[in-house]
């Protein structure tokens, strides 16, 4: 089973800011959310634990699983470029993303999806048909991209609908028959 967790809350989450690669570590509520994940998942032995390189995701993985995760750049948060840190209501958006004609450095949506899907395809080959538990700690965009890998990219391309709230998780299986 694959347990996909979204990192706990940060001050920027609380303030309603776009949070990309310049984001903050967990705040006290985020630490409590990760501890709650630990208590909910404490009876599960994770054979593999992966995380985005962002501190907030690593912190959540460590608190939840009790071990240091393998860091994989392909799980990194979407690069928001110059829009990173802006309040959501002040950012110029194009759909679910900052408008790349307004802000420099915004990652291409297709490149983001490709790197998340590449990670999962490689992971699927690694675990092959082994019955094991995997924890992946990421971000709203990353967890949404993982959901899209298993469920499919929606017509409106809004993969964020597959994400969860801060400090929450969803489960998937490579047989694509189990979703929670």
Protein backbone atom coordinates (compact mmCIF):
# COMPACT_ATOMS: atom_id res chain seq x y z
CA UNK A 1 0.00 0.00 0.00
CA UNK A 2 1.19 3.51 -0.78
CA UNK A 3 0.50 6.18 1.84
CA UNK A 4 0.72 9.66 0.32
CA UNK A 5 0.89 12.38 2.97
CA UNK A 6 0.78 16.12 2.57
CA UNK A 7 3.15 17.97 4.86
CA UNK A 8 1.81 19.62 7.99
CA UNK A 9 0.93 23.28 8.20
CA UNK A 10 3.44 26.10 7.84
CA UNK A 11 2.95 29.79 8.57
CA UNK A 12 2.58 30.45 4.83
CA UNK A 13 -0.23 27.87 4.62
CA UNK A 14 -1.96 29.67 7.49
CA UNK A 15 -1.42 33.06 5.81
CA UNK A 16 -2.81 31.87 2.46
CA UNK A 17 0.43 32.28 0.55
CA UNK A 18 1.64 30.37 -2.49
CA UNK A 19 4.35 28.13 -1.10
CA UNK A 20 6.93 26.65 -3.38
CA UNK A 21 10.64 26.15 -3.02
CA UNK A 22 11.09 29.17 -0.73
CA UNK A 23 8.56 27.79 1.74
CA UNK A 24 8.84 27.53 5.47
CA UNK A 25 9.33 24.62 7.89
CA UNK A 26 6.40 23.27 9.89
CA UNK A 27 4.85 25.51 12.50
CA UNK A 28 3.65 24.10 15.85
CA UNK A 29 0.30 23.09 14.36
CA UNK A 30 2.13 21.34 11.50
CA UNK A 31 4.26 19.40 13.97
CA UNK A 32 1.08 18.37 15.82
CA UNK A 33 -0.49 17.26 12.51
CA UNK A 34 2.56 15.10 11.75
CA UNK A 35 2.37 13.60 15.25
CA UNK A 36 -1.28 12.80 14.61
CA UNK A 37 -0.30 11.06 11.36
CA UNK A 38 2.24 9.09 13.37
CA UNK A 39 -0.42 7.95 15.82
CA UNK A 40 -2.85 7.01 13.01
CA UNK A 41 -0.18 5.09 11.07
CA UNK A 42 1.90 3.81 13.99
CA UNK A 43 1.05 0.14 13.41
CA UNK A 44 2.25 0.21 9.82
CA UNK A 45 5.81 -0.83 9.04
CA UNK A 46 7.06 1.18 6.08
CA UNK A 47 9.59 -0.62 3.91
CA UNK A 48 10.16 2.53 1.86
CA UNK A 49 9.89 6.18 2.92
CA UNK A 50 10.36 8.96 0.35
CA UNK A 51 10.09 12.72 0.56
CA UNK A 52 10.38 15.92 -1.36
CA UNK A 53 13.62 17.74 -0.48
CA UNK A 54 11.65 20.60 1.12
CA UNK A 55 12.18 20.81 4.89
CA UNK A 56 8.44 20.79 5.67
CA UNK A 57 7.94 17.52 3.79
CA UNK A 58 11.05 15.91 5.31
CA UNK A 59 9.95 16.96 8.82
CA UNK A 60 6.52 15.43 8.24
CA UNK A 61 8.01 12.16 6.95
CA UNK A 62 10.43 11.85 9.88
CA UNK A 63 7.76 12.53 12.51
CA UNK A 64 5.23 10.26 10.80
CA UNK A 65 7.45 7.29 9.98
CA UNK A 66 10.09 7.70 12.68
CA UNK A 67 12.93 7.36 10.16
CA UNK A 68 14.71 9.63 7.71
CA UNK A 69 13.26 9.42 4.21
CA UNK A 70 15.02 8.97 0.91
CA UNK A 71 14.97 12.40 -0.69
CA UNK A 72 13.95 12.46 -4.34
CA UNK A 73 14.05 15.70 -6.34
CA UNK A 74 11.21 14.45 -8.55
CA UNK A 75 8.91 14.86 -5.52
CA UNK A 76 9.91 18.50 -5.09
CA UNK A 77 7.18 21.10 -4.92
CA UNK A 78 6.10 22.85 -8.13
CA UNK A 79 8.49 25.71 -8.84
CA UNK A 80 6.41 28.88 -8.52
CA UNK A 81 9.25 31.13 -9.65
CA UNK A 82 8.68 34.79 -8.80
CA UNK A 83 5.16 34.02 -7.51
CA UNK A 84 6.58 32.04 -4.58
CA UNK A 85 5.43 33.56 -1.30
CA UNK A 86 2.72 35.81 -2.74
CA UNK A 87 -0.69 35.83 -1.08
CA UNK A 88 -3.07 33.78 -3.19
CA UNK A 89 -5.46 36.71 -3.66
CA UNK A 90 -2.69 38.98 -5.01
CA UNK A 91 -1.18 36.48 -7.45
CA UNK A 92 -2.13 36.51 -11.12
CA UNK A 93 -3.17 32.95 -11.87
CA UNK A 94 -3.78 31.01 -15.06
CA UNK A 95 -5.98 28.17 -13.92
CA UNK A 96 -4.39 26.51 -10.89
CA UNK A 97 -0.91 27.94 -11.62
CA UNK A 98 0.76 31.34 -11.44
CA UNK A 99 0.70 32.97 -14.87
CA UNK A 100 4.08 32.26 -16.47
CA UNK A 101 3.71 35.34 -18.68
CA UNK A 102 3.68 37.49 -15.52
CA UNK A 103 6.19 35.66 -13.30
CA UNK A 104 9.61 34.38 -14.34
CA UNK A 105 10.73 30.89 -13.37
CA UNK A 106 7.33 29.19 -13.16
CA UNK A 107 7.76 25.49 -13.92
CA UNK A 108 5.97 24.06 -16.95
CA UNK A 109 2.96 22.00 -15.91
CA UNK A 110 3.83 19.12 -18.25
CA UNK A 111 7.39 18.96 -16.90
CA UNK A 112 6.06 18.78 -13.35
CA UNK A 113 3.63 15.96 -14.19
CA UNK A 114 6.36 14.10 -16.10
CA UNK A 115 8.80 14.13 -13.17
CA UNK A 116 6.18 12.93 -10.65
CA UNK A 117 5.01 10.19 -13.03
CA UNK A 118 8.65 9.21 -13.69
CA UNK A 119 9.23 8.76 -9.95
CA UNK A 120 6.14 6.57 -9.60
CA UNK A 121 6.94 4.47 -12.68
CA UNK A 122 10.42 3.82 -11.32
CA UNK A 123 9.02 3.02 -7.86
CA UNK A 124 6.55 0.58 -9.38
CA UNK A 125 9.40 -1.28 -11.08
CA UNK A 126 11.41 -1.25 -7.82
CA UNK A 127 8.70 -2.81 -5.70
CA UNK A 128 7.58 -5.06 -8.56
CA UNK A 129 4.86 -7.24 -7.05
CA UNK A 130 6.19 -7.12 -3.48
CA UNK A 131 3.57 -6.65 -0.82
CA UNK A 132 5.02 -3.66 1.03
CA UNK A 133 4.06 -0.35 2.59
CA UNK A 134 5.43 2.86 1.13
CA UNK A 135 5.20 6.36 2.60
CA UNK A 136 5.58 9.39 0.32
CA UNK A 137 5.67 12.86 1.87
CA UNK A 138 4.97 15.79 -0.39
CA UNK A 139 2.99 18.89 -1.14
CA UNK A 140 -0.44 19.81 -2.40
CA UNK A 141 0.82 19.70 -5.99
CA UNK A 142 2.91 16.56 -5.51
CA UNK A 143 0.16 14.60 -3.79
CA UNK A 144 -2.22 15.79 -6.51
CA UNK A 145 0.21 14.60 -9.18
CA UNK A 146 0.46 11.21 -7.47
CA UNK A 147 -3.33 10.98 -7.44
CA UNK A 148 -3.36 11.80 -11.17
CA UNK A 149 -0.91 8.95 -11.81
CA UNK A 150 -3.34 6.48 -10.27
CA UNK A 151 -6.70 8.03 -11.21
CA UNK A 152 -5.86 9.93 -14.40
CA UNK A 153 -5.40 13.58 -15.28
CA UNK A 154 -8.81 15.24 -15.14
CA UNK A 155 -10.21 16.99 -18.21
CA UNK A 156 -9.76 20.40 -16.58
CA UNK A 157 -6.17 19.35 -15.68
CA UNK A 158 -6.74 20.39 -12.06
CA UNK A 159 -4.74 17.68 -10.31
CA UNK A 160 -5.01 19.57 -7.01
CA UNK A 161 -8.43 17.97 -6.54
CA UNK A 162 -6.58 14.72 -5.73
CA UNK A 163 -4.57 16.28 -2.92
CA UNK A 164 -5.47 16.33 0.73
CA UNK A 165 -5.36 18.92 3.48
CA UNK A 166 -2.17 19.62 5.44
CA UNK A 167 -1.26 16.67 7.64
CA UNK A 168 -3.67 14.26 5.91
CA UNK A 169 -3.08 11.27 3.67
CA UNK A 170 -4.56 9.13 0.90
CA UNK A 171 -3.74 5.58 -0.03
CA UNK A 172 -3.12 4.00 -3.41
CA UNK A 173 -1.92 0.71 -4.78
CA UNK A 174 -0.01 -0.06 -7.95
CA UNK A 175 -2.79 -2.46 -8.88
CA UNK A 176 -4.86 0.76 -9.02
CA UNK A 177 -7.75 -1.00 -7.33
CA UNK A 178 -7.42 0.57 -3.88
CA UNK A 179 -8.09 4.26 -3.26
CA UNK A 180 -8.97 5.82 0.07
